[in-house]
């Protein structure tokens, strides 16, 4: 079995669009199974087998960008409706997604380009995914892919341009648990398997003091009614209603101080309900501050909203 490396390009093709997906790892490969023949009674007693090509298997690990986030979350979770245009918000679009407790039936194609070879994997499906969010790191999504059709040579030479838009960072992510914002969460990992029904888990990594103790008021409850994860892109600075101390800026009067703030170019928000603590994996045998992971089972719903700007932003 040959495991493919990362020296290639990945293009996801749906019924509506084709998009180049940036990635840090990919292990897409042709799945091979064995057709086994039972030994005959009057033979040599040897079970024989032949090779059968049975589609595609593997995974792709890709960072979230402002362009790819709606498509990647759609493939991982499923759409709850068409994108909604929000008026008076600088051409802002809202995508609603919902991880249903059923197997994902959304099919898509993958074009894999390596050197001079282009392979087409048709009718692929996401059988599970893993969303990774950590401070000072790019938000990444690992999607486990499977398909029943063997790859074929892609006959066309046109490949979408490489995606290179702004990426979401774990440093600009906020966490709100039961209506309260927590600042001691270092990161989290959301895992979902969608074979025979959807099973979802969440690992929360929180910063602890020396000895493995939570800071006062920042202890995470064992049962969480609602957890809201919000990731934002900080694109540029602007003057919302500020006024320059000398001269006139943006049509404001003289002599007033200028106020500079960051503009949120895009964001995605994931809401999870009814989380139950399974285990606390914290190792407290450390004299210094530690990062303690907590494992939760998601017995409720998982919803996502993605807000993106169009070309006129």
Protein backbone atom coordinates (compact mmCIF):
# COMPACT_ATOMS: atom_id res chain seq x y z
CA UNK A 1 0.00 0.00 0.00
CA UNK A 2 1.44 3.34 -1.04
CA UNK A 3 0.62 6.27 1.21
CA UNK A 4 0.68 9.53 -0.70
CA UNK A 5 2.70 12.42 0.66
CA UNK A 6 1.92 16.11 0.79
CA UNK A 7 3.74 17.19 -2.37
CA UNK A 8 0.61 17.67 -4.44
CA UNK A 9 -2.47 19.85 -4.85
CA UNK A 10 -6.01 19.00 -3.79
CA UNK A 11 -9.13 20.35 -5.53
CA UNK A 12 -12.62 19.67 -4.18
CA UNK A 13 -15.34 19.61 -6.81
CA UNK A 14 -19.03 19.77 -5.96
CA UNK A 15 -22.09 20.21 -8.15
CA UNK A 16 -21.79 23.99 -7.74
CA UNK A 17 -18.09 24.87 -7.50
CA UNK A 18 -14.47 23.79 -7.74
CA UNK A 19 -12.01 25.02 -5.12
CA UNK A 20 -8.34 24.47 -4.45
CA UNK A 21 -7.89 23.51 -0.80
CA UNK A 22 -4.70 24.39 1.10
CA UNK A 23 -3.44 21.58 3.26
CA UNK A 24 -0.68 20.59 5.63
CA UNK A 25 -1.08 16.85 5.16
CA UNK A 26 -2.92 14.47 2.88
CA UNK A 27 -2.91 10.70 2.73
CA UNK A 28 -5.44 10.03 -0.03
CA UNK A 29 -4.86 6.70 -1.66
CA UNK A 30 -6.66 4.03 -3.60
CA UNK A 31 -8.43 1.57 -1.32
CA UNK A 32 -7.67 -2.09 -2.03
CA UNK A 33 -9.58 -5.06 -0.69
CA UNK A 34 -9.28 -8.81 -1.15
CA UNK A 35 -11.80 -11.22 -2.61
CA UNK A 36 -11.14 -14.49 -0.80
CA UNK A 37 -12.06 -17.93 -2.07
CA UNK A 38 -12.57 -20.66 0.47
CA UNK A 39 -10.47 -23.78 0.14
CA UNK A 40 -12.10 -26.70 -1.66
CA UNK A 41 -12.70 -29.98 0.10
CA UNK A 42 -10.63 -32.06 -2.34
CA UNK A 43 -7.92 -29.50 -3.04
CA UNK A 44 -4.69 -28.51 -1.34
CA UNK A 45 -6.55 -26.71 1.45
CA UNK A 46 -5.23 -23.25 0.53
CA UNK A 47 -7.51 -20.21 0.59
CA UNK A 48 -6.91 -18.17 -2.55
CA UNK A 49 -7.63 -14.50 -3.12
CA UNK A 50 -7.55 -11.84 -5.78
CA UNK A 51 -7.07 -8.09 -5.45
CA UNK A 52 -10.08 -5.81 -5.78
CA UNK A 53 -9.88 -2.06 -6.21
CA UNK A 54 -12.55 -0.52 -4.04
CA UNK A 55 -12.40 3.26 -4.22
CA UNK A 56 -10.58 5.82 -2.12
CA UNK A 57 -9.63 6.11 1.53
CA UNK A 58 -7.54 8.45 3.65
CA UNK A 59 -7.79 11.97 5.01
CA UNK A 60 -6.92 15.59 4.28
CA UNK A 61 -5.75 18.07 6.93
CA UNK A 62 -6.40 21.63 5.81
CA UNK A 63 -6.36 25.07 7.46
CA UNK A 64 -9.47 27.25 7.56
CA UNK A 65 -9.44 30.35 5.37
CA UNK A 66 -12.13 32.92 4.68
CA UNK A 67 -12.84 31.32 1.29
CA UNK A 68 -12.68 27.62 2.20
CA UNK A 69 -14.45 27.68 5.60
CA UNK A 70 -18.03 27.57 4.18
CA UNK A 71 -17.22 24.69 1.81
CA UNK A 72 -15.24 22.65 4.34
CA UNK A 73 -17.84 23.00 7.09
CA UNK A 74 -20.57 22.18 4.57
CA UNK A 75 -18.86 18.92 3.62
CA UNK A 76 -18.13 18.05 7.25
CA UNK A 77 -21.49 18.98 8.77
CA UNK A 78 -24.12 19.55 6.09
CA UNK A 79 -26.05 22.65 5.11
CA UNK A 80 -29.25 23.82 6.78
CA UNK A 81 -30.23 26.11 3.90
CA UNK A 82 -28.94 28.45 1.24
CA UNK A 83 -26.53 31.31 2.14
CA UNK A 84 -28.32 34.41 3.39
CA UNK A 85 -27.29 37.89 2.27
CA UNK A 86 -27.24 40.35 5.18
CA UNK A 87 -28.04 43.89 4.07
CA UNK A 88 -26.16 46.95 5.36
CA UNK A 89 -23.15 44.86 6.38
CA UNK A 90 -20.68 45.46 3.54
CA UNK A 91 -21.79 42.54 1.38
CA UNK A 92 -21.82 39.99 4.20
CA UNK A 93 -23.12 36.44 3.68
CA UNK A 94 -24.25 34.00 6.36
CA UNK A 95 -24.01 30.23 5.91
CA UNK A 96 -25.97 28.01 8.33
CA UNK A 97 -24.85 24.42 8.89
CA UNK A 98 -26.10 21.61 11.09
CA UNK A 99 -24.46 18.32 12.06
CA UNK A 100 -27.42 15.94 11.90
CA UNK A 101 -27.44 12.58 13.74
CA UNK A 102 -27.36 10.76 10.40
CA UNK A 103 -24.69 9.73 7.95
CA UNK A 104 -23.67 12.50 5.58
CA UNK A 105 -25.03 11.87 2.09
CA UNK A 106 -23.35 14.86 0.41
CA UNK A 107 -21.09 13.55 -2.37
CA UNK A 108 -18.17 15.36 -3.98
CA UNK A 109 -15.17 14.72 -6.23
CA UNK A 110 -11.49 15.22 -5.49
CA UNK A 111 -8.86 16.10 -8.08
CA UNK A 112 -5.36 15.20 -6.95
CA UNK A 113 -2.43 16.63 -8.90
CA UNK A 114 1.07 15.30 -8.30
CA UNK A 115 3.87 16.09 -10.73
CA UNK A 116 2.36 15.39 -14.16
CA UNK A 117 -0.33 13.02 -12.92
CA UNK A 118 -3.91 14.07 -12.25
CA UNK A 119 -6.29 11.62 -10.58
CA UNK A 120 -10.02 12.02 -10.12
CA UNK A 121 -11.71 10.43 -7.12
CA UNK A 122 -15.47 10.49 -7.70
CA UNK A 123 -18.42 10.26 -5.32
CA UNK A 124 -16.42 10.79 -2.13
CA UNK A 125 -18.03 11.34 1.25
CA UNK A 126 -16.84 12.62 4.65
CA UNK A 127 -17.19 9.80 7.18
CA UNK A 128 -15.75 11.81 10.07
CA UNK A 129 -13.88 14.99 10.88
CA UNK A 130 -11.68 16.58 13.53
CA UNK A 131 -11.59 20.34 14.13
CA UNK A 132 -8.44 21.52 15.91
CA UNK A 133 -8.21 24.94 17.58
CA UNK A 134 -5.10 25.96 19.55
CA UNK A 135 -3.64 29.31 20.53
CA UNK A 136 -1.02 30.80 18.20
CA UNK A 137 -1.82 28.11 15.61
CA UNK A 138 -3.92 28.07 12.46
CA UNK A 139 -7.35 26.54 12.87
CA UNK A 140 -7.27 23.20 11.03
CA UNK A 141 -9.80 20.63 9.93
CA UNK A 142 -9.07 16.97 9.32
CA UNK A 143 -11.68 15.26 7.14
CA UNK A 144 -11.74 11.46 6.81
CA UNK A 145 -12.74 10.56 3.25
CA UNK A 146 -14.05 7.39 1.71
CA UNK A 147 -15.44 6.43 -1.68
CA UNK A 148 -16.48 3.34 -3.59
CA UNK A 149 -15.18 4.16 -7.07
CA UNK A 150 -11.59 3.58 -8.16
CA UNK A 151 -9.66 6.71 -9.25
CA UNK A 152 -9.37 7.57 -12.94
CA UNK A 153 -7.09 9.87 -14.90
CA UNK A 154 -8.41 13.44 -14.92
CA UNK A 155 -8.44 14.43 -18.62
CA UNK A 156 -8.41 18.23 -18.29
CA UNK A 157 -5.42 20.47 -17.63
CA UNK A 158 -7.29 23.39 -16.06
CA UNK A 159 -6.89 23.46 -12.29
CA UNK A 160 -8.25 26.27 -10.06
CA UNK A 161 -5.71 28.77 -8.81
CA UNK A 162 -4.06 28.04 -5.49
CA UNK A 163 -6.09 29.34 -2.56
CA UNK A 164 -4.16 31.94 -0.58
CA UNK A 165 -6.69 34.01 1.38
CA UNK A 166 -6.57 34.92 5.05
CA UNK A 167 -6.67 32.05 7.52
CA UNK A 168 -8.33 31.77 10.91
CA UNK A 169 -6.01 31.67 13.92
CA UNK A 170 -6.63 30.12 17.30
CA UNK A 171 -5.43 33.32 18.95
CA UNK A 172 -8.59 35.11 17.79
CA UNK A 173 -11.05 32.55 19.16
CA UNK A 174 -13.36 33.16 22.12
CA UNK A 175 -15.24 30.59 24.23
CA UNK A 176 -18.54 31.14 26.03
CA UNK A 177 -19.88 28.41 28.34
CA UNK A 178 -23.42 28.76 29.70
CA UNK A 179 -23.34 32.46 28.90
CA UNK A 180 -19.95 33.13 30.56
CA UNK A 181 -16.74 33.87 28.65
CA UNK A 182 -13.73 31.75 29.65
CA UNK A 183 -10.20 33.06 29.10
CA UNK A 184 -8.31 30.05 30.47
CA UNK A 185 -9.13 27.72 27.55
CA UNK A 186 -5.96 27.01 25.55
CA UNK A 187 -7.73 25.18 22.73
CA UNK A 188 -10.10 22.38 21.87
CA UNK A 189 -10.65 19.49 19.49
CA UNK A 190 -14.07 18.58 18.09
CA UNK A 191 -14.34 14.99 16.80
CA UNK A 192 -17.26 13.48 14.91
CA UNK A 193 -17.78 10.02 13.41
CA UNK A 194 -20.68 9.51 11.03
CA UNK A 195 -20.86 5.79 10.40
CA UNK A 196 -24.01 4.13 11.70
CA UNK A 197 -25.15 7.41 13.24
CA UNK A 198 -23.25 10.47 14.42
CA UNK A 199 -21.06 10.33 17.54
CA UNK A 200 -19.47 13.61 18.63
CA UNK A 201 -16.86 14.29 21.31
CA UNK A 202 -15.12 17.46 22.46
CA UNK A 203 -11.74 17.79 24.15
CA UNK A 204 -11.26 21.08 26.03
CA UNK A 205 -7.71 22.06 26.95
CA UNK A 206 -7.69 24.54 29.82
CA UNK A 207 -4.76 26.24 31.52
CA UNK A 208 -4.27 25.31 35.16
CA UNK A 209 -2.13 26.71 37.95
CA UNK A 210 0.77 24.83 39.52
CA UNK A 211 -0.50 21.59 40.97
CA UNK A 212 -3.32 21.24 38.46
CA UNK A 213 -5.81 23.63 40.04
CA UNK A 214 -8.17 25.87 38.10
CA UNK A 215 -8.09 29.59 38.78
CA UNK A 216 -10.94 30.95 40.85
CA UNK A 217 -14.09 31.46 38.77
CA UNK A 218 -12.62 29.70 35.71
CA UNK A 219 -13.39 26.09 36.59
CA UNK A 220 -15.28 24.45 33.71
CA UNK A 221 -18.48 22.64 34.79
CA UNK A 222 -18.99 18.91 34.34
CA UNK A 223 -22.27 19.45 32.48
CA UNK A 224 -22.39 22.19 29.84
CA UNK A 225 -25.76 23.32 28.55
CA UNK A 226 -24.30 25.45 25.75
CA UNK A 227 -20.82 26.12 24.43
CA UNK A 228 -20.26 28.81 21.78
CA UNK A 229 -16.94 28.92 19.88
CA UNK A 230 -16.35 32.10 17.87
CA UNK A 231 -13.35 32.58 15.55
CA UNK A 232 -12.76 35.99 13.93
CA UNK A 233 -10.51 37.42 11.24
CA UNK A 234 -8.97 40.80 12.05
CA UNK A 235 -8.41 42.34 8.63
CA UNK A 236 -7.45 45.99 9.07
CA UNK A 237 -7.79 49.14 11.17
CA UNK A 238 -10.31 51.87 10.59
CA UNK A 239 -11.85 54.93 12.24
CA UNK A 240 -15.48 54.04 13.08
CA UNK A 241 -16.63 57.36 14.53
CA UNK A 242 -13.36 58.88 15.65
CA UNK A 243 -12.15 62.34 14.85
CA UNK A 244 -8.62 63.47 14.21
CA UNK A 245 -6.95 65.87 16.63
CA UNK A 246 -5.65 67.92 13.71
CA UNK A 247 -7.32 68.10 10.34
CA UNK A 248 -10.39 66.27 9.15
CA UNK A 249 -10.62 62.46 8.75
CA UNK A 250 -13.61 60.65 7.28
CA UNK A 251 -15.65 63.85 7.31
CA UNK A 252 -15.40 64.44 11.07
CA UNK A 253 -14.95 67.89 12.70
CA UNK A 254 -11.61 69.27 13.83
CA UNK A 255 -10.13 68.86 17.28
CA UNK A 256 -11.58 65.46 18.30
CA UNK A 257 -9.41 62.39 19.04
CA UNK A 258 -9.19 59.62 16.45
CA UNK A 259 -10.32 56.15 17.51
CA UNK A 260 -8.70 53.18 15.75
CA UNK A 261 -10.22 49.73 15.98
CA UNK A 262 -9.95 46.41 14.20
CA UNK A 263 -12.53 45.44 11.60
CA UNK A 264 -13.83 41.88 11.69
CA UNK A 265 -13.60 40.71 8.07
CA UNK A 266 -15.20 37.32 8.67
CA UNK A 267 -16.02 34.81 11.38
CA UNK A 268 -17.42 31.38 12.05
CA UNK A 269 -19.36 30.34 15.14
CA UNK A 270 -19.98 26.79 16.36
CA UNK A 271 -22.65 26.12 18.99
CA UNK A 272 -22.78 22.83 20.92
CA UNK A 273 -25.50 21.86 23.38
CA UNK A 274 -25.77 19.35 26.22
CA UNK A 275 -22.16 18.34 26.85
CA UNK A 276 -21.47 15.71 29.51
CA UNK A 277 -18.02 15.20 31.06
CA UNK A 278 -16.63 11.73 30.35
CA UNK A 279 -13.18 12.02 31.92
CA UNK A 280 -10.60 14.52 33.10
CA UNK A 281 -7.25 13.62 31.52
CA UNK A 282 -5.20 16.17 33.47
CA UNK A 283 -1.82 15.01 34.78
CA UNK A 284 -1.16 17.09 37.90
CA UNK A 285 2.31 15.70 38.71
CA UNK A 286 3.94 18.95 37.66
CA UNK A 287 5.31 21.81 39.78
CA UNK A 288 4.47 24.34 37.06
CA UNK A 289 1.30 25.44 35.32
CA UNK A 290 -0.15 22.75 33.08
CA UNK A 291 -2.70 22.38 30.29
CA UNK A 292 -5.37 19.92 31.38
CA UNK A 293 -7.58 18.22 28.78
CA UNK A 294 -11.22 17.41 29.58
CA UNK A 295 -13.19 14.96 27.45
CA UNK A 296 -16.89 15.63 26.86
CA UNK A 297 -19.58 13.70 25.03
CA UNK A 298 -21.90 15.88 22.94
CA UNK A 299 -25.41 14.53 23.49
CA UNK A 300 -27.17 17.52 21.95
CA UNK A 301 -26.87 19.41 18.68
CA UNK A 302 -23.93 20.90 16.80
CA UNK A 303 -24.61 23.99 14.69
CA UNK A 304 -22.32 26.33 12.78
CA UNK A 305 -22.67 29.79 11.25
CA UNK A 306 -20.11 31.18 8.82
CA UNK A 307 -20.08 34.89 7.99
CA UNK A 308 -18.02 35.84 4.96
CA UNK A 309 -17.60 38.95 2.82
CA UNK A 310 -17.88 39.08 -0.94
CA UNK A 311 -15.52 40.68 -3.47
CA UNK A 312 -16.79 44.20 -2.79
CA UNK A 313 -15.68 44.26 0.87
